[in-house]
């Protein structure tokens, strides 16, 4: 499946939060993301991602292993995504290291997740704060087949517009890059 997704900087987070609160129940979670790469950085160079995410929320803690392939849409950066829940986070980290992967970067994301139907699609809207970088972001995604990426992105753009977020607010900046830049000073 392709994760058709757009990300935007949010200038009025409280306004967007109120709008989303009106359409869906919120799931407040803290993500602890650890990204891995090969020692030669070939995953990053290929535009691929390998991540272990431990999610802490009101319903407990869960860990998922995710691989994202290279982008299939240059404008949005939408990628094929393969994800599975894992039982033991420490073992998963050990397996990846044992296979020769090295930790690229790890950081925390504070998220407000909303799942709902919009424009005939199942959407996940996430308001994101990363303590190490400035600003609030909104990610909206839906899972689709490759042939449906463009119409799905159009639906996401329409939803963003309804939330008062314009094309000028869209960003392709990766959290990994922004956190790394902040840490470099």
N, C-alpha and C. Protein backbone atom coordinates (compact mmCIF):
# COMPACT_ATOMS: atom_id res chain seq x y z
N UNK A 1 0.83 -1.18 0.00
CA UNK A 1 0.00 0.00 0.00
C UNK A 1 0.88 1.25 0.00
N UNK A 2 0.33 2.31 -0.55
CA UNK A 2 1.01 3.60 -0.57
C UNK A 2 0.39 4.48 0.50
N UNK A 3 1.24 5.13 1.28
CA UNK A 3 0.77 6.10 2.25
C UNK A 3 0.74 7.46 1.54
N UNK A 4 -0.44 7.82 1.01
CA UNK A 4 -0.60 9.14 0.40
C UNK A 4 -0.69 10.12 1.55
N UNK A 5 0.25 11.06 1.61
CA UNK A 5 0.34 11.94 2.77
C UNK A 5 0.82 13.32 2.37
N UNK A 6 0.26 14.32 3.04
CA UNK A 6 0.76 15.68 2.95
C UNK A 6 0.99 16.20 4.36
N UNK A 7 2.01 17.02 4.50
CA UNK A 7 2.35 17.60 5.80
C UNK A 7 2.41 19.11 5.63
N UNK A 8 1.89 19.81 6.64
CA UNK A 8 1.86 21.27 6.58
C UNK A 8 2.24 21.85 7.94
N UNK A 9 2.81 23.04 7.90
CA UNK A 9 3.01 23.83 9.12
C UNK A 9 1.66 24.44 9.48
N UNK A 10 1.35 24.43 10.77
CA UNK A 10 0.07 24.94 11.25
C UNK A 10 0.33 26.23 12.01
N UNK A 11 -0.32 27.31 11.57
CA UNK A 11 -0.12 28.62 12.20
C UNK A 11 -1.10 28.86 13.34
N UNK A 12 -2.21 28.14 13.33
CA UNK A 12 -3.21 28.28 14.39
C UNK A 12 -3.60 26.88 14.89
N UNK A 13 -2.71 26.24 15.67
CA UNK A 13 -2.97 24.87 16.10
C UNK A 13 -4.27 24.70 16.89
N UNK A 14 -4.60 25.67 17.72
CA UNK A 14 -5.82 25.56 18.53
C UNK A 14 -7.06 25.53 17.65
N UNK A 15 -7.06 26.35 16.59
CA UNK A 15 -8.19 26.38 15.66
C UNK A 15 -8.35 25.03 14.95
N UNK A 16 -7.24 24.49 14.45
CA UNK A 16 -7.28 23.20 13.76
C UNK A 16 -7.69 22.10 14.73
N UNK A 17 -7.18 22.14 15.96
CA UNK A 17 -7.52 21.14 16.97
C UNK A 17 -9.03 21.16 17.24
N UNK A 18 -9.61 22.34 17.38
CA UNK A 18 -11.06 22.43 17.62
C UNK A 18 -11.85 21.84 16.46
N UNK A 19 -11.41 22.12 15.23
CA UNK A 19 -12.11 21.57 14.07
C UNK A 19 -12.03 20.05 14.04
N UNK A 20 -10.85 19.51 14.33
CA UNK A 20 -10.69 18.06 14.32
C UNK A 20 -11.43 17.41 15.49
N UNK A 21 -11.42 18.06 16.65
CA UNK A 21 -12.16 17.55 17.81
C UNK A 21 -13.65 17.43 17.50
N UNK A 22 -14.15 18.26 16.60
CA UNK A 22 -15.57 18.25 16.25
C UNK A 22 -15.95 17.08 15.33
N UNK A 23 -14.95 16.48 14.66
CA UNK A 23 -15.28 15.41 13.71
C UNK A 23 -14.84 14.02 14.16
N UNK A 24 -13.96 13.94 15.16
CA UNK A 24 -13.47 12.61 15.57
C UNK A 24 -12.94 12.66 16.99
N UNK A 25 -12.93 11.50 17.60
CA UNK A 25 -12.32 11.37 18.93
C UNK A 25 -10.80 11.46 18.77
N UNK A 26 -10.16 12.09 19.75
CA UNK A 26 -8.71 12.25 19.69
C UNK A 26 -8.03 11.10 20.42
N UNK A 27 -6.89 10.71 19.91
CA UNK A 27 -6.01 9.73 20.55
C UNK A 27 -4.68 10.45 20.77
N UNK A 28 -4.39 10.80 22.03
CA UNK A 28 -3.16 11.52 22.34
C UNK A 28 -2.08 10.49 22.62
N UNK A 29 -0.96 10.60 21.89
CA UNK A 29 0.12 9.62 22.01
C UNK A 29 1.48 10.31 21.90
N UNK A 30 2.46 9.68 22.51
CA UNK A 30 3.84 10.11 22.37
C UNK A 30 4.58 8.99 21.64
N UNK A 31 5.23 9.36 20.54
CA UNK A 31 6.00 8.41 19.75
C UNK A 31 7.47 8.56 20.10
N UNK A 32 8.14 7.45 20.26
CA UNK A 32 9.60 7.44 20.37
C UNK A 32 10.09 6.72 19.13
N UNK A 33 10.59 7.50 18.18
CA UNK A 33 11.00 6.98 16.88
C UNK A 33 12.51 6.80 16.82
N UNK A 34 12.93 5.63 16.37
CA UNK A 34 14.35 5.37 16.12
C UNK A 34 14.48 4.94 14.66
N UNK A 35 15.26 5.70 13.91
CA UNK A 35 15.48 5.41 12.49
C UNK A 35 16.83 4.71 12.34
N UNK A 36 16.83 3.67 11.51
CA UNK A 36 18.03 2.90 11.25
C UNK A 36 18.43 3.06 9.79
N UNK A 37 19.70 2.84 9.53
CA UNK A 37 20.22 2.85 8.17
C UNK A 37 21.36 1.84 8.11
N UNK A 38 21.84 1.61 6.93
CA UNK A 38 23.05 0.80 6.77
C UNK A 38 24.24 1.71 7.05
N UNK A 39 25.38 1.15 7.41
CA UNK A 39 26.54 2.00 7.70
C UNK A 39 26.92 2.94 6.55
N UNK A 40 26.63 2.55 5.30
CA UNK A 40 26.96 3.40 4.15
C UNK A 40 25.86 4.41 3.82
N UNK A 41 24.83 4.46 4.65
CA UNK A 41 23.68 5.39 4.51
C UNK A 41 22.89 5.15 3.22
N UNK A 42 22.93 3.93 2.72
CA UNK A 42 22.29 3.64 1.44
C UNK A 42 20.76 3.69 1.51
N UNK A 43 20.15 3.42 2.67
CA UNK A 43 18.69 3.58 2.75
C UNK A 43 18.32 5.04 2.57
N UNK A 44 18.99 5.92 3.29
CA UNK A 44 18.71 7.36 3.17
C UNK A 44 18.94 7.84 1.74
N UNK A 45 20.04 7.42 1.14
CA UNK A 45 20.34 7.83 -0.24
C UNK A 45 19.28 7.36 -1.22
N UNK A 46 18.66 6.22 -0.94
CA UNK A 46 17.61 5.69 -1.82
C UNK A 46 16.24 6.27 -1.49
N UNK A 47 16.16 7.12 -0.45
CA UNK A 47 14.88 7.69 -0.05
C UNK A 47 14.02 6.72 0.74
N UNK A 48 14.64 5.69 1.30
CA UNK A 48 13.92 4.68 2.07
C UNK A 48 14.09 4.93 3.57
N UNK A 49 13.18 4.38 4.35
CA UNK A 49 13.22 4.56 5.80
C UNK A 49 12.99 3.23 6.50
N UNK A 50 13.72 3.01 7.58
CA UNK A 50 13.54 1.84 8.44
C UNK A 50 13.41 2.38 9.87
N UNK A 51 12.26 2.13 10.49
CA UNK A 51 11.97 2.79 11.76
C UNK A 51 11.37 1.82 12.76
N UNK A 52 11.77 1.99 14.01
CA UNK A 52 11.10 1.34 15.13
C UNK A 52 10.42 2.46 15.90
N UNK A 53 9.11 2.34 16.07
CA UNK A 53 8.32 3.37 16.78
C UNK A 53 7.65 2.73 17.98
N UNK A 54 7.95 3.27 19.15
CA UNK A 54 7.24 2.85 20.36
C UNK A 54 6.25 3.95 20.70
N UNK A 55 4.99 3.57 20.80
CA UNK A 55 3.88 4.50 21.00
C UNK A 55 3.36 4.34 22.42
N UNK A 56 3.36 5.45 23.15
CA UNK A 56 2.82 5.48 24.50
C UNK A 56 1.52 6.28 24.47
N UNK A 57 0.42 5.65 24.91
CA UNK A 57 -0.86 6.32 24.92
C UNK A 57 -1.72 5.84 26.07
N UNK A 58 -2.94 6.33 26.12
CA UNK A 58 -3.87 5.99 27.20
C UNK A 58 -4.18 4.50 27.23
N UNK A 59 -4.10 3.84 26.06
CA UNK A 59 -4.41 2.41 25.97
C UNK A 59 -3.19 1.52 26.22
N UNK A 60 -2.05 2.12 26.59
CA UNK A 60 -0.86 1.33 26.84
C UNK A 60 0.26 1.69 25.88
N UNK A 61 1.19 0.76 25.75
CA UNK A 61 2.36 0.96 24.91
C UNK A 61 2.41 -0.14 23.86
N UNK A 62 2.73 0.25 22.64
CA UNK A 62 2.90 -0.72 21.55
C UNK A 62 4.09 -0.29 20.71
N UNK A 63 4.68 -1.23 20.01
CA UNK A 63 5.83 -0.93 19.15
C UNK A 63 5.55 -1.46 17.76
N UNK A 64 5.90 -0.66 16.75
CA UNK A 64 5.73 -1.07 15.36
C UNK A 64 7.05 -0.90 14.61
N UNK A 65 7.28 -1.83 13.71
CA UNK A 65 8.43 -1.79 12.81
C UNK A 65 7.91 -1.37 11.45
N UNK A 66 8.55 -0.36 10.85
CA UNK A 66 8.08 0.21 9.59
C UNK A 66 9.22 0.30 8.59
N UNK A 67 8.93 -0.10 7.36
CA UNK A 67 9.82 0.16 6.23
C UNK A 67 9.03 0.98 5.23
N UNK A 68 9.63 2.10 4.79
CA UNK A 68 9.02 2.91 3.74
C UNK A 68 9.96 2.89 2.54
N UNK A 69 9.40 2.57 1.37
CA UNK A 69 10.18 2.58 0.14
C UNK A 69 10.36 3.99 -0.38
N UNK A 70 10.99 4.10 -1.51
CA UNK A 70 11.24 5.39 -2.13
C UNK A 70 9.92 6.03 -2.56
N UNK A 71 9.89 7.35 -2.60
CA UNK A 71 8.68 8.10 -2.94
C UNK A 71 8.18 7.72 -4.33
N UNK A 72 6.85 7.62 -4.44
CA UNK A 72 6.22 7.36 -5.73
C UNK A 72 5.59 8.63 -6.30
N UNK A 73 5.58 9.70 -5.49
CA UNK A 73 5.06 10.98 -5.93
C UNK A 73 6.04 12.05 -5.47
N UNK A 74 6.69 12.71 -6.43
CA UNK A 74 7.76 13.66 -6.09
C UNK A 74 7.24 14.87 -5.32
N UNK A 75 6.05 15.35 -5.66
CA UNK A 75 5.55 16.57 -5.01
C UNK A 75 5.22 16.35 -3.53
N UNK A 76 4.59 15.23 -3.21
CA UNK A 76 4.16 14.98 -1.83
C UNK A 76 5.16 14.14 -1.04
N UNK A 77 5.96 13.33 -1.73
CA UNK A 77 6.86 12.41 -1.05
C UNK A 77 6.15 11.15 -0.58
N UNK A 78 4.93 10.90 -1.05
CA UNK A 78 4.18 9.71 -0.66
C UNK A 78 4.97 8.46 -1.02
N UNK A 79 4.96 7.48 -0.09
CA UNK A 79 5.80 6.29 -0.21
C UNK A 79 5.01 5.01 0.05
N UNK A 80 5.49 3.90 -0.52
CA UNK A 80 4.95 2.60 -0.09
C UNK A 80 5.34 2.39 1.37
N UNK A 81 4.42 1.82 2.15
CA UNK A 81 4.70 1.63 3.57
C UNK A 81 4.32 0.21 3.97
N UNK A 82 5.22 -0.42 4.72
CA UNK A 82 5.00 -1.76 5.24
C UNK A 82 5.25 -1.68 6.74
N UNK A 83 4.23 -2.04 7.52
CA UNK A 83 4.32 -1.85 8.96
C UNK A 83 3.73 -3.06 9.66
N UNK A 84 4.37 -3.43 10.78
CA UNK A 84 3.85 -4.52 11.59
C UNK A 84 4.12 -4.25 13.06
N UNK A 85 3.19 -4.66 13.89
CA UNK A 85 3.39 -4.51 15.33
C UNK A 85 4.35 -5.60 15.79
N UNK A 86 5.24 -5.24 16.71
CA UNK A 86 6.19 -6.21 17.25
C UNK A 86 5.95 -6.34 18.75
N UNK A 87 6.23 -7.51 19.26
CA UNK A 87 5.96 -7.79 20.67
C UNK A 87 7.04 -7.23 21.59
N UNK A 88 8.29 -7.23 21.14
CA UNK A 88 9.40 -6.88 22.03
C UNK A 88 10.27 -5.82 21.36
N UNK A 89 10.16 -4.58 21.84
CA UNK A 89 10.91 -3.47 21.24
C UNK A 89 12.42 -3.70 21.36
N UNK A 90 12.89 -4.11 22.51
CA UNK A 90 14.34 -4.31 22.71
C UNK A 90 14.87 -5.38 21.75
N UNK A 91 14.12 -6.46 21.58
CA UNK A 91 14.55 -7.51 20.65
C UNK A 91 14.57 -7.00 19.22
N UNK A 92 13.60 -6.17 18.86
CA UNK A 92 13.55 -5.61 17.50
C UNK A 92 14.77 -4.74 17.23
N UNK A 93 15.12 -3.88 18.18
CA UNK A 93 16.33 -3.07 18.04
C UNK A 93 17.56 -3.97 17.91
N UNK A 94 17.64 -5.00 18.73
CA UNK A 94 18.79 -5.92 18.69
C UNK A 94 18.86 -6.66 17.35
N UNK A 95 17.74 -7.07 16.81
CA UNK A 95 17.72 -7.74 15.51
C UNK A 95 18.25 -6.82 14.42
N UNK A 96 17.77 -5.58 14.40
CA UNK A 96 18.22 -4.64 13.36
C UNK A 96 19.73 -4.39 13.47
N UNK A 97 20.21 -4.20 14.70
CA UNK A 97 21.66 -4.02 14.88
C UNK A 97 22.41 -5.28 14.47
N UNK A 98 21.86 -6.43 14.83
CA UNK A 98 22.49 -7.71 14.47
C UNK A 98 22.56 -7.92 12.97
N UNK A 99 21.62 -7.35 12.25
CA UNK A 99 21.62 -7.43 10.78
C UNK A 99 22.53 -6.39 10.14
N UNK A 100 23.21 -5.60 10.98
CA UNK A 100 24.18 -4.63 10.47
C UNK A 100 23.66 -3.22 10.33
N UNK A 101 22.42 -2.97 10.72
CA UNK A 101 21.90 -1.60 10.66
C UNK A 101 22.42 -0.81 11.85
N UNK A 102 22.55 0.51 11.66
CA UNK A 102 23.01 1.40 12.72
C UNK A 102 21.94 2.46 12.96
N UNK A 103 21.87 2.92 14.21
CA UNK A 103 20.91 3.96 14.52
C UNK A 103 21.32 5.24 13.82
N UNK A 104 20.40 5.78 13.05
CA UNK A 104 20.64 7.03 12.33
C UNK A 104 20.27 8.21 13.24
N UNK A 105 19.06 8.16 13.81
CA UNK A 105 18.60 9.23 14.69
C UNK A 105 17.39 8.73 15.47
N UNK A 106 17.21 9.26 16.67
CA UNK A 106 16.04 8.93 17.50
C UNK A 106 15.52 10.23 18.10
N UNK A 107 14.21 10.35 18.18
CA UNK A 107 13.59 11.54 18.76
C UNK A 107 12.16 11.25 19.14
N UNK A 108 11.53 12.21 19.81
CA UNK A 108 10.17 12.07 20.29
C UNK A 108 9.22 12.97 19.50
N UNK A 109 8.03 12.44 19.25
CA UNK A 109 6.95 13.21 18.62
C UNK A 109 5.74 13.16 19.55
N UNK A 110 5.12 14.30 19.78
CA UNK A 110 3.90 14.36 20.58
C UNK A 110 2.74 14.57 19.62
N UNK A 111 1.82 13.61 19.61
CA UNK A 111 0.80 13.55 18.57
C UNK A 111 -0.62 13.54 19.11
N UNK A 112 -1.48 14.21 18.35
CA UNK A 112 -2.94 14.14 18.55
C UNK A 112 -3.49 13.53 17.27
N UNK A 113 -3.94 12.28 17.34
CA UNK A 113 -4.40 11.53 16.17
C UNK A 113 -5.91 11.52 16.08
N UNK A 114 -6.41 11.72 14.86
CA UNK A 114 -7.85 11.71 14.58
C UNK A 114 -8.07 10.82 13.36
N UNK A 115 -8.93 9.81 13.51
CA UNK A 115 -9.29 8.95 12.37
C UNK A 115 -10.75 9.20 12.03
N UNK A 116 -11.03 9.42 10.73
CA UNK A 116 -12.39 9.72 10.31
C UNK A 116 -12.50 9.56 8.80
N UNK A 117 -13.74 9.60 8.32
CA UNK A 117 -14.03 9.55 6.89
C UNK A 117 -14.15 10.98 6.37
N UNK A 118 -13.51 11.24 5.23
CA UNK A 118 -13.65 12.54 4.57
C UNK A 118 -13.41 12.34 3.08
N UNK A 119 -14.21 12.96 2.28
CA UNK A 119 -14.07 12.89 0.83
C UNK A 119 -14.05 11.43 0.36
N UNK A 120 -14.85 10.60 1.00
CA UNK A 120 -14.98 9.20 0.60
C UNK A 120 -13.80 8.33 0.96
N UNK A 121 -12.94 8.81 1.88
CA UNK A 121 -11.73 8.06 2.24
C UNK A 121 -11.57 8.01 3.74
N UNK A 122 -10.91 6.96 4.19
CA UNK A 122 -10.51 6.85 5.60
C UNK A 122 -9.25 7.69 5.77
N UNK A 123 -9.32 8.70 6.61
CA UNK A 123 -8.19 9.63 6.81
C UNK A 123 -7.65 9.50 8.23
N UNK A 124 -6.37 9.74 8.36
CA UNK A 124 -5.73 9.91 9.65
C UNK A 124 -5.10 11.30 9.62
N UNK A 125 -5.58 12.16 10.52
CA UNK A 125 -5.01 13.50 10.68
C UNK A 125 -4.26 13.52 12.00
N UNK A 126 -3.02 13.97 11.96
CA UNK A 126 -2.19 13.99 13.16
C UNK A 126 -1.58 15.37 13.34
N UNK A 127 -1.90 15.99 14.46
CA UNK A 127 -1.23 17.23 14.86
C UNK A 127 0.04 16.82 15.59
N UNK A 128 1.17 17.34 15.16
CA UNK A 128 2.47 16.88 15.65
C UNK A 128 3.29 18.04 16.21
N UNK A 129 3.87 17.79 17.38
CA UNK A 129 4.90 18.67 17.95
C UNK A 129 6.11 17.80 18.21
N UNK A 130 7.25 18.26 17.74
CA UNK A 130 8.52 17.62 18.03
C UNK A 130 9.26 18.59 18.94
N UNK A 131 9.48 18.21 20.21
CA UNK A 131 10.06 19.16 21.17
C UNK A 131 11.35 19.83 20.70
N UNK A 132 12.11 19.16 19.87
CA UNK A 132 13.40 19.72 19.45
C UNK A 132 13.31 20.73 18.31
N UNK A 133 12.14 20.84 17.67
CA UNK A 133 12.02 21.79 16.56
C UNK A 133 10.81 22.69 16.80
N UNK A 134 10.85 23.86 16.20
CA UNK A 134 9.80 24.84 16.38
C UNK A 134 8.58 24.51 15.53
N UNK A 135 7.42 24.83 16.07
CA UNK A 135 6.20 24.75 15.29
C UNK A 135 5.36 23.52 15.54
N UNK A 136 4.16 23.60 15.00
CA UNK A 136 3.21 22.49 15.01
C UNK A 136 2.96 22.11 13.57
N UNK A 137 2.84 20.83 13.32
CA UNK A 137 2.62 20.31 11.98
C UNK A 137 1.33 19.51 11.94
N UNK A 138 0.73 19.43 10.77
CA UNK A 138 -0.43 18.57 10.54
C UNK A 138 -0.07 17.62 9.42
N UNK A 139 -0.17 16.34 9.71
CA UNK A 139 -0.01 15.30 8.68
C UNK A 139 -1.38 14.72 8.41
N UNK A 140 -1.73 14.60 7.16
CA UNK A 140 -2.97 13.91 6.80
C UNK A 140 -2.59 12.83 5.80
N UNK A 141 -3.05 11.61 6.09
CA UNK A 141 -2.69 10.48 5.24
C UNK A 141 -3.88 9.56 5.04
N UNK A 142 -3.78 8.79 3.97
CA UNK A 142 -4.73 7.72 3.68
C UNK A 142 -3.95 6.66 2.90
N UNK A 143 -4.30 5.40 3.11
CA UNK A 143 -3.61 4.31 2.42
C UNK A 143 -4.35 3.97 1.14
N UNK A 144 -3.59 3.87 0.04
CA UNK A 144 -4.19 3.65 -1.28
C UNK A 144 -3.29 2.75 -2.13
N UNK A 145 -3.85 2.27 -3.23
CA UNK A 145 -3.06 1.59 -4.25
C UNK A 145 -2.33 2.65 -5.07
N UNK A 146 -1.27 2.25 -5.75
CA UNK A 146 -0.47 3.22 -6.50
C UNK A 146 -1.29 3.97 -7.53
N UNK A 147 -2.27 3.33 -8.13
CA UNK A 147 -3.08 3.98 -9.16
C UNK A 147 -4.00 5.06 -8.58
N UNK A 148 -4.14 5.10 -7.24
CA UNK A 148 -5.07 6.02 -6.59
C UNK A 148 -4.36 7.16 -5.86
N UNK A 149 -3.04 7.30 -6.03
CA UNK A 149 -2.29 8.31 -5.27
C UNK A 149 -2.75 9.72 -5.60
N UNK A 150 -2.83 10.08 -6.87
CA UNK A 150 -3.19 11.45 -7.25
C UNK A 150 -4.58 11.85 -6.74
N UNK A 151 -5.62 11.01 -6.96
CA UNK A 151 -6.93 11.39 -6.41
C UNK A 151 -6.94 11.47 -4.87
N UNK A 152 -6.18 10.60 -4.22
CA UNK A 152 -6.11 10.63 -2.75
C UNK A 152 -5.46 11.93 -2.28
N UNK A 153 -4.40 12.36 -2.95
CA UNK A 153 -3.75 13.62 -2.59
C UNK A 153 -4.68 14.81 -2.83
N UNK A 154 -5.49 14.74 -3.88
CA UNK A 154 -6.48 15.80 -4.12
C UNK A 154 -7.48 15.86 -2.96
N UNK A 155 -7.91 14.70 -2.46
CA UNK A 155 -8.84 14.65 -1.33
C UNK A 155 -8.18 15.23 -0.08
N UNK A 156 -6.91 14.92 0.12
CA UNK A 156 -6.19 15.46 1.29
C UNK A 156 -6.06 16.97 1.16
N UNK A 157 -5.73 17.47 -0.03
CA UNK A 157 -5.65 18.93 -0.23
C UNK A 157 -6.98 19.60 0.07
N UNK A 158 -8.08 18.98 -0.34
CA UNK A 158 -9.41 19.54 -0.07
C UNK A 158 -9.67 19.59 1.43
N UNK A 159 -9.29 18.53 2.15
CA UNK A 159 -9.47 18.52 3.59
C UNK A 159 -8.60 19.59 4.26
N UNK A 160 -7.37 19.72 3.81
CA UNK A 160 -6.50 20.77 4.35
C UNK A 160 -7.12 22.15 4.15
N UNK A 161 -7.66 22.39 2.97
CA UNK A 161 -8.30 23.67 2.68
C UNK A 161 -9.48 23.91 3.63
N UNK A 162 -10.26 22.87 3.90
CA UNK A 162 -11.38 22.99 4.84
C UNK A 162 -10.90 23.35 6.24
N UNK A 163 -9.69 22.93 6.57
CA UNK A 163 -9.10 23.23 7.88
C UNK A 163 -8.36 24.57 7.89
N UNK A 164 -8.41 25.28 6.76
CA UNK A 164 -7.77 26.60 6.68
C UNK A 164 -6.28 26.55 6.40
N UNK A 165 -5.83 25.45 5.83
CA UNK A 165 -4.40 25.29 5.54
C UNK A 165 -4.21 25.30 4.03
N UNK A 166 -3.41 26.26 3.55
CA UNK A 166 -3.22 26.43 2.12
C UNK A 166 -1.97 25.75 1.60
N UNK A 167 -1.84 25.75 0.30
CA UNK A 167 -0.69 25.13 -0.36
C UNK A 167 0.63 25.74 0.11
N UNK A 168 0.60 27.03 0.47
CA UNK A 168 1.83 27.69 0.92
C UNK A 168 2.32 27.15 2.27
N UNK A 169 1.46 26.43 3.00
CA UNK A 169 1.83 25.87 4.29
C UNK A 169 2.41 24.46 4.19
N UNK A 170 2.29 23.84 3.01
CA UNK A 170 2.79 22.48 2.84
C UNK A 170 4.31 22.45 2.95
N UNK A 171 4.82 21.36 3.50
CA UNK A 171 6.27 21.19 3.62
C UNK A 171 6.64 19.74 3.36
N UNK A 172 7.79 19.56 2.75
CA UNK A 172 8.35 18.21 2.55
C UNK A 172 9.50 17.97 3.51
N UNK A 173 9.80 18.95 4.38
CA UNK A 173 10.90 18.78 5.32
C UNK A 173 10.64 17.59 6.22
N UNK A 174 11.65 16.75 6.37
CA UNK A 174 11.55 15.57 7.22
C UNK A 174 11.89 15.92 8.66
N UNK A 175 11.18 15.32 9.60
CA UNK A 175 11.51 15.53 11.01
C UNK A 175 12.94 15.09 11.29
N UNK A 176 13.36 14.01 10.67
CA UNK A 176 14.72 13.52 10.90
C UNK A 176 15.74 14.58 10.52
N UNK A 177 15.55 15.24 9.38
CA UNK A 177 16.47 16.28 8.94
C UNK A 177 16.42 17.50 9.86
N UNK A 178 15.22 17.91 10.28
CA UNK A 178 15.08 19.08 11.13
C UNK A 178 15.70 18.83 12.50
N UNK A 179 15.49 17.64 13.07
CA UNK A 179 16.09 17.33 14.37
C UNK A 179 17.61 17.26 14.24
N UNK A 180 18.10 16.62 13.19
CA UNK A 180 19.55 16.52 12.99
C UNK A 180 20.17 17.91 12.86
N UNK A 181 19.52 18.79 12.11
CA UNK A 181 20.04 20.16 11.94
C UNK A 181 20.06 20.90 13.27
N UNK A 182 19.02 20.74 14.07
CA UNK A 182 18.95 21.41 15.37
C UNK A 182 20.07 20.89 16.28
N UNK A 183 20.31 19.59 16.24
CA UNK A 183 21.36 19.02 17.09
C UNK A 183 22.76 19.46 16.67
N UNK A 184 22.92 19.70 15.36
CA UNK A 184 24.23 20.19 14.89
C UNK A 184 24.45 21.62 15.31
N UNK A 185 23.37 22.32 15.67
CA UNK A 185 23.47 23.69 16.16
C UNK A 185 23.44 24.69 15.07
